[in-house]
Amino acid sequence: MSLHADARAVLSAWAAPDEHQEGLRRSYVDHLDAHADAMWRSCLPGHITASSAVISAEGDRVVLTLHRVHRMWLQTGGHCEPRDATLGAAVLREAVEESGIEDLTLLPEPVRLDRHAVPCGGGSFHLDVQYAVLAPPGATPVIDPEESADLGWFPVGALPEPTDEVTRSLVRAAVEAVAAHRGSVR
């Protein structure tokens, strides 16, 4: 299965939590159907991206990265690459690259979607598929200066500024997903 087909299958099967998210889900599937290159930044109407909130083993902290260009504290994530076999693989690759934490656990389905304007190719949209990722106990983030200006753990209820509502919404959804996941594996 191609990355494109995997993304379409993931989004087709995902049960959106509300009407707004359902509208985004449908628009992402339509976009994938209309653009064979929808997974790549070269798709200028917009392209699928993969991001996550990396949540501590205790469920009380999140790793955020200080974006080098935007100078805001954001979740890990970014563009898909040809070596990514699945959307989940892209999420984990980005989370490991940007957090420096190995042995992350990807929760099995997206927690939310977000569509936002970006300057890729002179103007485009990221159709971001957002996941929750669980860090192993005692995990320590390791900054890669090529990936971010700073990096750290932050309490999920007290995110640093500046950040944005997209990041705050993702963290809330990820914390809920981690709690539900823990409840289902007991």
N, C-alpha and C. Protein backbone atom coordinates (compact mmCIF):
# COMPACT_ATOMS: atom_id res chain seq x y z
N MET A 1 0.86 -1.18 0.00
CA MET A 1 0.00 0.00 0.00
C MET A 1 0.90 1.24 0.00
N SER A 2 0.56 2.23 -0.80
CA SER A 2 1.32 3.46 -0.85
C SER A 2 0.98 4.36 0.34
N LEU A 3 1.83 5.35 0.59
CA LEU A 3 1.57 6.31 1.66
C LEU A 3 0.25 7.04 1.39
N HIS A 4 0.01 7.39 0.15
CA HIS A 4 -1.23 8.05 -0.25
C HIS A 4 -2.44 7.17 0.10
N ALA A 5 -2.37 5.88 -0.27
CA ALA A 5 -3.47 4.96 0.01
C ALA A 5 -3.64 4.75 1.51
N ASP A 6 -2.53 4.69 2.24
CA ASP A 6 -2.62 4.54 3.69
C ASP A 6 -3.32 5.75 4.31
N ALA A 7 -2.92 6.95 3.90
CA ALA A 7 -3.55 8.16 4.45
C ALA A 7 -5.04 8.18 4.15
N ARG A 8 -5.40 7.78 2.93
CA ARG A 8 -6.83 7.75 2.57
C ARG A 8 -7.58 6.73 3.43
N ALA A 9 -6.97 5.56 3.64
CA ALA A 9 -7.61 4.53 4.47
C ALA A 9 -7.75 5.00 5.93
N VAL A 10 -6.72 5.63 6.46
CA VAL A 10 -6.77 6.13 7.84
C VAL A 10 -7.89 7.16 7.98
N LEU A 11 -7.93 8.11 7.06
CA LEU A 11 -8.92 9.18 7.14
C LEU A 11 -10.33 8.68 6.85
N SER A 12 -10.46 7.72 5.97
CA SER A 12 -11.78 7.16 5.67
C SER A 12 -12.37 6.42 6.86
N ALA A 13 -11.51 5.76 7.63
CA ALA A 13 -11.97 4.97 8.77
C ALA A 13 -12.12 5.77 10.06
N TRP A 14 -11.52 6.96 10.11
CA TRP A 14 -11.48 7.73 11.36
C TRP A 14 -12.86 8.26 11.72
N ALA A 15 -13.28 8.07 12.96
CA ALA A 15 -14.55 8.60 13.47
C ALA A 15 -14.27 9.97 14.10
N ALA A 16 -14.61 11.01 13.36
CA ALA A 16 -14.37 12.37 13.84
C ALA A 16 -15.20 12.66 15.09
N PRO A 17 -14.63 13.43 16.04
CA PRO A 17 -15.33 13.67 17.30
C PRO A 17 -16.45 14.71 17.24
N ASP A 18 -16.51 15.51 16.16
CA ASP A 18 -17.56 16.53 16.07
C ASP A 18 -17.76 16.91 14.60
N GLU A 19 -18.76 17.76 14.35
CA GLU A 19 -19.10 18.13 12.97
C GLU A 19 -17.98 18.87 12.25
N HIS A 20 -17.29 19.77 12.96
CA HIS A 20 -16.18 20.50 12.33
C HIS A 20 -15.09 19.53 11.89
N GLN A 21 -14.70 18.62 12.77
CA GLN A 21 -13.68 17.65 12.44
C GLN A 21 -14.14 16.72 11.31
N GLU A 22 -15.43 16.38 11.30
CA GLU A 22 -15.97 15.55 10.23
C GLU A 22 -15.88 16.27 8.89
N GLY A 23 -16.16 17.57 8.88
CA GLY A 23 -16.02 18.35 7.65
C GLY A 23 -14.58 18.36 7.14
N LEU A 24 -13.63 18.51 8.07
CA LEU A 24 -12.22 18.46 7.68
C LEU A 24 -11.87 17.07 7.15
N ARG A 25 -12.33 16.04 7.84
CA ARG A 25 -12.03 14.67 7.41
C ARG A 25 -12.49 14.43 5.98
N ARG A 26 -13.74 14.82 5.70
CA ARG A 26 -14.27 14.66 4.33
C ARG A 26 -13.45 15.46 3.32
N SER A 27 -13.08 16.69 3.68
CA SER A 27 -12.31 17.52 2.74
C SER A 27 -10.91 16.94 2.50
N TYR A 28 -10.31 16.31 3.52
CA TYR A 28 -9.00 15.68 3.34
C TYR A 28 -9.12 14.49 2.38
N VAL A 29 -10.15 13.67 2.57
CA VAL A 29 -10.35 12.51 1.68
C VAL A 29 -10.59 13.00 0.25
N ASP A 30 -11.43 14.03 0.09
CA ASP A 30 -11.67 14.60 -1.24
C ASP A 30 -10.37 15.11 -1.86
N HIS A 31 -9.53 15.75 -1.04
CA HIS A 31 -8.26 16.28 -1.53
C HIS A 31 -7.35 15.14 -1.99
N LEU A 32 -7.30 14.07 -1.21
CA LEU A 32 -6.50 12.91 -1.61
C LEU A 32 -7.02 12.32 -2.92
N ASP A 33 -8.34 12.26 -3.07
CA ASP A 33 -8.92 11.72 -4.31
C ASP A 33 -8.62 12.61 -5.52
N ALA A 34 -8.49 13.90 -5.29
CA ALA A 34 -8.27 14.84 -6.40
C ALA A 34 -6.80 15.05 -6.75
N HIS A 35 -5.89 14.69 -5.84
CA HIS A 35 -4.47 15.00 -6.06
C HIS A 35 -3.60 13.78 -5.76
N ALA A 36 -3.03 13.19 -6.79
CA ALA A 36 -2.14 12.04 -6.62
C ALA A 36 -0.90 12.41 -5.81
N ASP A 37 -0.55 13.70 -5.81
CA ASP A 37 0.64 14.16 -5.08
C ASP A 37 0.29 14.82 -3.74
N ALA A 38 -0.88 14.53 -3.20
CA ALA A 38 -1.37 15.20 -1.99
C ALA A 38 -0.50 14.99 -0.75
N MET A 39 0.39 14.00 -0.79
CA MET A 39 1.24 13.73 0.37
C MET A 39 2.53 14.56 0.36
N TRP A 40 2.78 15.27 -0.71
CA TRP A 40 4.08 15.94 -0.88
C TRP A 40 3.93 17.46 -0.88
N ARG A 41 4.93 18.14 -0.36
CA ARG A 41 4.90 19.60 -0.29
C ARG A 41 4.79 20.25 -1.67
N SER A 42 5.08 19.50 -2.72
CA SER A 42 4.95 20.03 -4.08
C SER A 42 3.48 20.22 -4.48
N CYS A 43 2.56 19.64 -3.74
CA CYS A 43 1.12 19.80 -4.02
C CYS A 43 0.69 21.15 -3.44
N LEU A 44 0.72 22.17 -4.28
CA LEU A 44 0.53 23.53 -3.80
C LEU A 44 -0.89 23.90 -3.38
N PRO A 45 -1.92 23.24 -3.86
CA PRO A 45 -3.20 23.59 -3.26
C PRO A 45 -3.22 23.26 -1.77
N GLY A 46 -2.39 22.29 -1.39
CA GLY A 46 -2.31 21.84 -0.01
C GLY A 46 -1.78 20.42 0.03
N HIS A 47 -1.21 20.04 1.16
CA HIS A 47 -0.66 18.69 1.27
C HIS A 47 -0.83 18.18 2.69
N ILE A 48 -0.92 16.86 2.78
CA ILE A 48 -1.09 16.19 4.06
C ILE A 48 0.22 16.30 4.85
N THR A 49 0.11 16.67 6.11
CA THR A 49 1.26 16.67 7.02
C THR A 49 0.89 15.81 8.23
N ALA A 50 1.91 15.48 9.02
CA ALA A 50 1.71 14.56 10.15
C ALA A 50 2.35 15.16 11.40
N SER A 51 1.56 15.31 12.46
CA SER A 51 2.12 15.86 13.69
C SER A 51 1.57 15.12 14.90
N SER A 52 2.18 15.42 16.07
CA SER A 52 1.73 14.75 17.29
C SER A 52 2.07 15.56 18.52
N ALA A 53 1.31 15.28 19.55
CA ALA A 53 1.65 15.74 20.90
C ALA A 53 2.32 14.55 21.56
N VAL A 54 3.57 14.75 21.97
CA VAL A 54 4.32 13.71 22.68
C VAL A 54 4.01 13.89 24.16
N ILE A 55 3.28 12.93 24.72
CA ILE A 55 2.80 13.00 26.10
C ILE A 55 3.67 12.12 26.99
N SER A 56 3.98 12.60 28.19
CA SER A 56 4.80 11.84 29.14
C SER A 56 4.10 10.56 29.57
N ALA A 57 4.90 9.61 30.05
CA ALA A 57 4.35 8.33 30.51
C ALA A 57 3.31 8.53 31.60
N GLU A 58 3.46 9.60 32.40
CA GLU A 58 2.52 9.90 33.48
C GLU A 58 1.28 10.62 32.97
N GLY A 59 1.33 11.12 31.74
CA GLY A 59 0.18 11.81 31.14
C GLY A 59 0.02 13.26 31.56
N ASP A 60 1.03 13.82 32.23
CA ASP A 60 0.88 15.17 32.76
C ASP A 60 1.75 16.23 32.08
N ARG A 61 2.61 15.80 31.15
CA ARG A 61 3.50 16.74 30.46
C ARG A 61 3.51 16.45 28.97
N VAL A 62 3.90 17.47 28.21
CA VAL A 62 4.00 17.36 26.76
C VAL A 62 5.32 17.96 26.30
N VAL A 63 5.93 17.33 25.31
CA VAL A 63 7.14 17.90 24.70
C VAL A 63 6.70 18.90 23.64
N LEU A 64 7.23 20.11 23.73
CA LEU A 64 7.00 21.11 22.70
C LEU A 64 8.35 21.61 22.19
N THR A 65 8.35 22.02 20.93
CA THR A 65 9.55 22.52 20.29
C THR A 65 9.36 23.99 19.94
N LEU A 66 10.39 24.77 20.18
CA LEU A 66 10.35 26.19 19.81
C LEU A 66 10.76 26.27 18.35
N HIS A 67 9.79 26.52 17.49
CA HIS A 67 10.01 26.53 16.04
C HIS A 67 11.02 27.60 15.67
N ARG A 68 12.00 27.21 14.88
CA ARG A 68 13.10 28.14 14.53
C ARG A 68 12.62 29.33 13.72
N VAL A 69 11.65 29.14 12.86
CA VAL A 69 11.18 30.23 12.00
C VAL A 69 10.06 31.01 12.66
N HIS A 70 9.05 30.31 13.14
CA HIS A 70 7.85 30.98 13.69
C HIS A 70 8.04 31.48 15.12
N ARG A 71 9.09 31.00 15.80
CA ARG A 71 9.39 31.43 17.18
C ARG A 71 8.19 31.23 18.10
N MET A 72 7.53 30.09 17.93
CA MET A 72 6.40 29.69 18.78
C MET A 72 6.65 28.27 19.26
N TRP A 73 6.10 27.95 20.43
CA TRP A 73 6.16 26.60 20.96
C TRP A 73 5.07 25.77 20.27
N LEU A 74 5.47 24.72 19.56
CA LEU A 74 4.55 23.91 18.76
C LEU A 74 4.78 22.43 19.00
N GLN A 75 3.84 21.63 18.53
CA GLN A 75 3.95 20.18 18.59
C GLN A 75 5.01 19.71 17.60
N THR A 76 5.41 18.45 17.72
CA THR A 76 6.32 17.86 16.75
C THR A 76 5.53 17.52 15.49
N GLY A 77 6.20 17.56 14.36
CA GLY A 77 5.53 17.17 13.12
C GLY A 77 6.05 17.91 11.92
N GLY A 78 5.53 17.51 10.77
CA GLY A 78 5.95 18.16 9.53
C GLY A 78 5.54 17.39 8.30
N HIS A 79 6.31 17.59 7.25
CA HIS A 79 6.02 17.01 5.95
C HIS A 79 6.31 15.51 5.91
N CYS A 80 5.52 14.82 5.13
CA CYS A 80 5.76 13.41 4.86
C CYS A 80 6.94 13.31 3.91
N GLU A 81 7.64 12.17 3.98
CA GLU A 81 8.79 11.93 3.12
C GLU A 81 8.61 10.60 2.39
N PRO A 82 9.27 10.45 1.23
CA PRO A 82 9.12 9.21 0.46
C PRO A 82 9.44 7.94 1.25
N ARG A 83 10.31 8.03 2.25
CA ARG A 83 10.66 6.84 3.04
C ARG A 83 9.57 6.45 4.04
N ASP A 84 8.56 7.31 4.25
CA ASP A 84 7.47 6.99 5.18
C ASP A 84 6.50 6.02 4.52
N ALA A 85 6.38 4.83 5.08
CA ALA A 85 5.49 3.81 4.51
C ALA A 85 4.04 4.08 4.85
N THR A 86 3.81 4.71 6.01
CA THR A 86 2.45 4.99 6.47
C THR A 86 2.40 6.38 7.09
N LEU A 87 1.20 6.88 7.28
CA LEU A 87 1.02 8.15 7.97
C LEU A 87 1.55 8.04 9.40
N GLY A 88 1.29 6.92 10.06
CA GLY A 88 1.80 6.69 11.40
C GLY A 88 3.32 6.69 11.44
N ALA A 89 3.94 6.12 10.42
CA ALA A 89 5.41 6.12 10.36
C ALA A 89 5.94 7.55 10.22
N ALA A 90 5.25 8.38 9.46
CA ALA A 90 5.66 9.79 9.32
C ALA A 90 5.55 10.52 10.66
N VAL A 91 4.46 10.25 11.39
CA VAL A 91 4.27 10.87 12.71
C VAL A 91 5.41 10.48 13.64
N LEU A 92 5.71 9.19 13.71
CA LEU A 92 6.78 8.72 14.61
C LEU A 92 8.15 9.24 14.19
N ARG A 93 8.43 9.26 12.90
CA ARG A 93 9.72 9.77 12.42
C ARG A 93 9.88 11.22 12.86
N GLU A 94 8.86 12.03 12.61
CA GLU A 94 8.93 13.45 12.99
C GLU A 94 9.06 13.61 14.50
N ALA A 95 8.31 12.83 15.27
CA ALA A 95 8.36 12.94 16.73
C ALA A 95 9.75 12.58 17.26
N VAL A 96 10.35 11.52 16.73
CA VAL A 96 11.69 11.13 17.18
C VAL A 96 12.72 12.17 16.74
N GLU A 97 12.65 12.60 15.47
CA GLU A 97 13.61 13.60 14.98
C GLU A 97 13.56 14.88 15.80
N GLU A 98 12.35 15.35 16.10
CA GLU A 98 12.22 16.65 16.75
C GLU A 98 12.31 16.59 18.27
N SER A 99 11.99 15.46 18.89
CA SER A 99 12.06 15.36 20.35
C SER A 99 13.36 14.72 20.83
N GLY A 100 13.98 13.93 19.96
CA GLY A 100 15.17 13.18 20.37
C GLY A 100 14.86 12.00 21.26
N ILE A 101 13.58 11.67 21.43
CA ILE A 101 13.17 10.55 22.29
C ILE A 101 12.91 9.32 21.44
N GLU A 102 13.56 8.23 21.80
CA GLU A 102 13.35 6.95 21.11
C GLU A 102 12.23 6.18 21.81
N ASP A 103 11.80 5.09 21.22
CA ASP A 103 10.82 4.17 21.81
C ASP A 103 9.48 4.83 22.12
N LEU A 104 9.05 5.73 21.27
CA LEU A 104 7.74 6.36 21.42
C LEU A 104 6.66 5.38 20.98
N THR A 105 5.48 5.50 21.57
CA THR A 105 4.34 4.66 21.21
C THR A 105 3.27 5.52 20.57
N LEU A 106 2.93 5.21 19.34
CA LEU A 106 1.90 5.93 18.60
C LEU A 106 0.53 5.36 18.95
N LEU A 107 -0.39 6.21 19.40
CA LEU A 107 -1.76 5.74 19.58
C LEU A 107 -2.33 5.46 18.19
N PRO A 108 -3.23 4.49 18.07
CA PRO A 108 -3.55 3.93 16.76
C PRO A 108 -4.29 4.81 15.76
N GLU A 109 -4.93 5.89 16.21
CA GLU A 109 -5.66 6.70 15.23
C GLU A 109 -5.48 8.18 15.53
N PRO A 110 -5.75 9.02 14.54
CA PRO A 110 -5.62 10.47 14.77
C PRO A 110 -6.52 10.92 15.92
N VAL A 111 -6.13 12.04 16.54
CA VAL A 111 -6.96 12.62 17.59
C VAL A 111 -7.67 13.88 17.10
N ARG A 112 -7.13 14.51 16.05
CA ARG A 112 -7.79 15.68 15.46
C ARG A 112 -7.11 16.03 14.14
N LEU A 113 -7.75 16.92 13.41
CA LEU A 113 -7.23 17.44 12.14
C LEU A 113 -7.16 18.95 12.24
N ASP A 114 -6.22 19.55 11.49
CA ASP A 114 -6.14 21.00 11.44
C ASP A 114 -5.65 21.43 10.06
N ARG A 115 -6.37 22.37 9.47
CA ARG A 115 -5.99 22.93 8.16
C ARG A 115 -5.55 24.37 8.38
N HIS A 116 -4.30 24.68 7.97
CA HIS A 116 -3.81 26.04 8.15
C HIS A 116 -2.92 26.47 6.98
N ALA A 117 -2.94 27.76 6.70
CA ALA A 117 -2.15 28.33 5.61
C ALA A 117 -0.67 28.30 5.97
N VAL A 118 0.17 28.02 4.97
CA VAL A 118 1.62 28.00 5.13
C VAL A 118 2.27 28.60 3.88
N PRO A 119 3.53 29.03 3.99
CA PRO A 119 4.19 29.63 2.82
C PRO A 119 4.84 28.63 1.87
N CYS A 120 4.63 27.34 2.04
CA CYS A 120 5.23 26.33 1.15
C CYS A 120 4.95 26.67 -0.31
N GLY A 121 6.00 26.75 -1.11
CA GLY A 121 5.83 26.99 -2.54
C GLY A 121 5.18 28.32 -2.86
N GLY A 122 5.26 29.27 -1.96
CA GLY A 122 4.68 30.58 -2.21
C GLY A 122 3.27 30.74 -1.67
N GLY A 123 2.70 29.69 -1.12
CA GLY A 123 1.36 29.76 -0.54
C GLY A 123 0.62 28.46 -0.73
N SER A 124 0.26 27.83 0.35
CA SER A 124 -0.39 26.54 0.30
C SER A 124 -1.08 26.30 1.64
N PHE A 125 -1.58 25.08 1.84
CA PHE A 125 -2.20 24.70 3.10
C PHE A 125 -1.59 23.40 3.60
N HIS A 126 -1.42 23.31 4.90
CA HIS A 126 -1.12 22.03 5.53
C HIS A 126 -2.44 21.43 5.95
N LEU A 127 -2.66 20.21 5.54
CA LEU A 127 -3.81 19.42 5.96
C LEU A 127 -3.24 18.45 7.00
N ASP A 128 -3.14 18.95 8.22
CA ASP A 128 -2.41 18.25 9.27
C ASP A 128 -3.25 17.17 9.93
N VAL A 129 -2.70 15.97 9.99
CA VAL A 129 -3.32 14.84 10.68
C VAL A 129 -2.55 14.70 11.99
N GLN A 130 -3.25 14.89 13.10
CA GLN A 130 -2.60 15.00 14.40
C GLN A 130 -2.89 13.78 15.28
N TYR A 131 -1.83 13.27 15.88
CA TYR A 131 -1.88 12.06 16.70
C TYR A 131 -1.41 12.36 18.13
N ALA A 132 -1.64 11.40 19.00
CA ALA A 132 -1.05 11.38 20.34
C ALA A 132 0.05 10.32 20.33
N VAL A 133 1.17 10.66 20.94
CA VAL A 133 2.31 9.76 21.05
C VAL A 133 2.69 9.69 22.53
N LEU A 134 2.92 8.51 23.02
CA LEU A 134 3.25 8.30 24.42
C LEU A 134 4.76 8.06 24.57
N ALA A 135 5.40 8.83 25.44
CA ALA A 135 6.83 8.68 25.69
C ALA A 135 7.05 7.60 26.75
N PRO A 136 8.19 6.94 26.71
CA PRO A 136 8.49 5.94 27.74
C PRO A 136 8.80 6.64 29.07
N PRO A 137 8.67 5.92 30.19
CA PRO A 137 9.00 6.51 31.49
C PRO A 137 10.43 7.05 31.51
N GLY A 138 10.59 8.21 32.12
CA GLY A 138 11.92 8.80 32.27
C GLY A 138 12.51 9.40 31.01
N ALA A 139 11.74 9.53 29.95
CA ALA A 139 12.27 10.05 28.68
C ALA A 139 12.78 11.48 28.84
N THR A 140 13.92 11.73 28.22
CA THR A 140 14.52 13.06 28.23
C THR A 140 14.63 13.57 26.81
N PRO A 141 14.01 14.71 26.50
CA PRO A 141 14.14 15.26 25.15
C PRO A 141 15.59 15.69 24.88
N VAL A 142 16.01 15.53 23.63
CA VAL A 142 17.35 15.91 23.21
C VAL A 142 17.21 16.86 22.03
N ILE A 143 17.66 18.08 22.21
CA ILE A 143 17.49 19.09 21.16
C ILE A 143 18.46 18.85 20.01
N ASP A 144 17.92 18.97 18.81
CA ASP A 144 18.71 18.98 17.59
C ASP A 144 18.59 20.40 17.05
N PRO A 145 19.68 21.18 17.08
CA PRO A 145 19.58 22.59 16.67
C PRO A 145 19.11 22.78 15.23
N GLU A 146 19.22 21.74 14.41
CA GLU A 146 18.70 21.85 13.05
C GLU A 146 17.18 21.72 13.02
N GLU A 147 16.61 21.13 14.08
CA GLU A 147 15.17 20.91 14.14
C GLU A 147 14.43 22.02 14.89
N SER A 148 15.04 22.56 15.97
CA SER A 148 14.33 23.57 16.75
C SER A 148 15.30 24.48 17.49
N ALA A 149 14.78 25.63 17.93
CA ALA A 149 15.56 26.58 18.70
C ALA A 149 15.63 26.18 20.17
N ASP A 150 14.63 25.46 20.65
CA ASP A 150 14.60 24.97 22.02
C ASP A 150 13.59 23.83 22.08
N LEU A 151 13.60 23.12 23.19
CA LEU A 151 12.79 21.92 23.32
C LEU A 151 12.62 21.64 24.80
N GLY A 152 11.44 21.16 25.19
CA GLY A 152 11.29 20.81 26.59
C GLY A 152 9.96 20.20 26.93
N TRP A 153 9.88 19.67 28.16
CA TRP A 153 8.64 19.16 28.74
C TRP A 153 7.90 20.33 29.37
N PHE A 154 6.58 20.35 29.20
CA PHE A 154 5.74 21.39 29.81
C PHE A 154 4.49 20.74 30.39
N PRO A 155 3.99 21.26 31.53
CA PRO A 155 2.74 20.74 32.08
C PRO A 155 1.61 20.90 31.05
N VAL A 156 0.79 19.88 30.89
CA VAL A 156 -0.26 19.94 29.87
C VAL A 156 -1.27 21.05 30.14
N GLY A 157 -1.40 21.48 31.38
CA GLY A 157 -2.33 22.55 31.72
C GLY A 157 -1.69 23.92 31.78
N ALA A 158 -0.39 24.02 31.46
CA ALA A 158 0.31 25.31 31.53
C ALA A 158 1.34 25.38 30.41
N LEU A 159 0.86 25.46 29.18
CA LEU A 159 1.76 25.49 28.03
C LEU A 159 2.48 26.84 27.98
N PRO A 160 3.70 26.84 27.45
CA PRO A 160 4.47 28.08 27.39
C PRO A 160 3.92 29.02 26.33
N GLU A 161 4.25 30.27 26.45
CA GLU A 161 3.92 31.26 25.42
C GLU A 161 5.21 31.70 24.75
N PRO A 162 5.14 32.05 23.49
CA PRO A 162 3.94 32.00 22.68
C PRO A 162 3.67 30.61 22.12
N THR A 163 2.40 30.27 22.07
CA THR A 163 1.94 29.06 21.40
C THR A 163 0.67 29.45 20.65
N ASP A 164 -0.05 28.50 20.13
CA ASP A 164 -1.28 28.83 19.41
C ASP A 164 -2.41 27.89 19.82
N GLU A 165 -3.61 28.21 19.38
CA GLU A 165 -4.77 27.40 19.75
C GLU A 165 -4.71 26.01 19.13
N VAL A 166 -4.06 25.88 17.98
CA VAL A 166 -3.92 24.56 17.35
C VAL A 166 -3.14 23.63 18.29
N THR A 167 -2.04 24.12 18.84
CA THR A 167 -1.23 23.31 19.75
C THR A 167 -2.01 23.01 21.03
N ARG A 168 -2.67 24.03 21.59
CA ARG A 168 -3.45 23.81 22.81
C ARG A 168 -4.55 22.77 22.57
N SER A 169 -5.25 22.86 21.44
CA SER A 169 -6.31 21.90 21.13
C SER A 169 -5.76 20.49 20.95
N LEU A 170 -4.63 20.39 20.28
CA LEU A 170 -4.01 19.07 20.09
C LEU A 170 -3.61 18.47 21.44
N VAL A 171 -3.01 19.27 22.31
CA VAL A 171 -2.59 18.74 23.62
C VAL A 171 -3.80 18.24 24.40
N ARG A 172 -4.89 19.02 24.41
CA ARG A 172 -6.11 18.57 25.11
C ARG A 172 -6.61 17.25 24.54
N ALA A 173 -6.68 17.16 23.21
CA ALA A 173 -7.17 15.94 22.56
C ALA A 173 -6.24 14.76 22.83
N ALA A 174 -4.93 15.00 22.83
CA ALA A 174 -3.96 13.94 23.06
C ALA A 174 -4.04 13.42 24.49
N VAL A 175 -4.20 14.32 25.45
CA VAL A 175 -4.32 13.90 26.85
C VAL A 175 -5.57 13.03 27.03
N GLU A 176 -6.68 13.43 26.41
CA GLU A 176 -7.90 12.62 26.47
C GLU A 176 -7.69 11.25 25.83
N ALA A 177 -7.01 11.23 24.69
CA ALA A 177 -6.76 9.97 23.98
C ALA A 177 -5.86 9.05 24.80
N VAL A 178 -4.84 9.60 25.44
CA VAL A 178 -3.95 8.80 26.27
C VAL A 178 -4.73 8.22 27.45
N ALA A 179 -5.57 9.01 28.09
CA ALA A 179 -6.37 8.53 29.21
C ALA A 179 -7.32 7.42 28.77
N ALA A 180 -7.97 7.60 27.62
CA ALA A 180 -8.87 6.57 27.09
C ALA A 180 -8.10 5.30 26.74
N HIS A 181 -6.92 5.47 26.16
CA HIS A 181 -6.08 4.32 25.79
C HIS A 181 -5.69 3.54 27.05
N ARG A 182 -5.31 4.25 28.07
CA ARG A 182 -4.94 3.57 29.33
C ARG A 182 -6.12 2.81 29.91
N GLY A 183 -7.30 3.41 29.83
CA GLY A 183 -8.50 2.75 30.33
C GLY A 183 -8.85 1.50 29.56
N SER A 184 -8.53 1.49 28.26
CA SER A 184 -8.87 0.34 27.42
C SER A 184 -7.88 -0.81 27.55
N VAL A 185 -6.67 -0.52 28.05
CA VAL A 185 -5.66 -1.59 28.16
C VAL A 185 -5.57 -2.17 29.57
N ARG A 186 -6.40 -1.70 30.47
CA ARG A 186 -6.37 -2.23 31.84
C ARG A 186 -7.19 -3.47 31.97
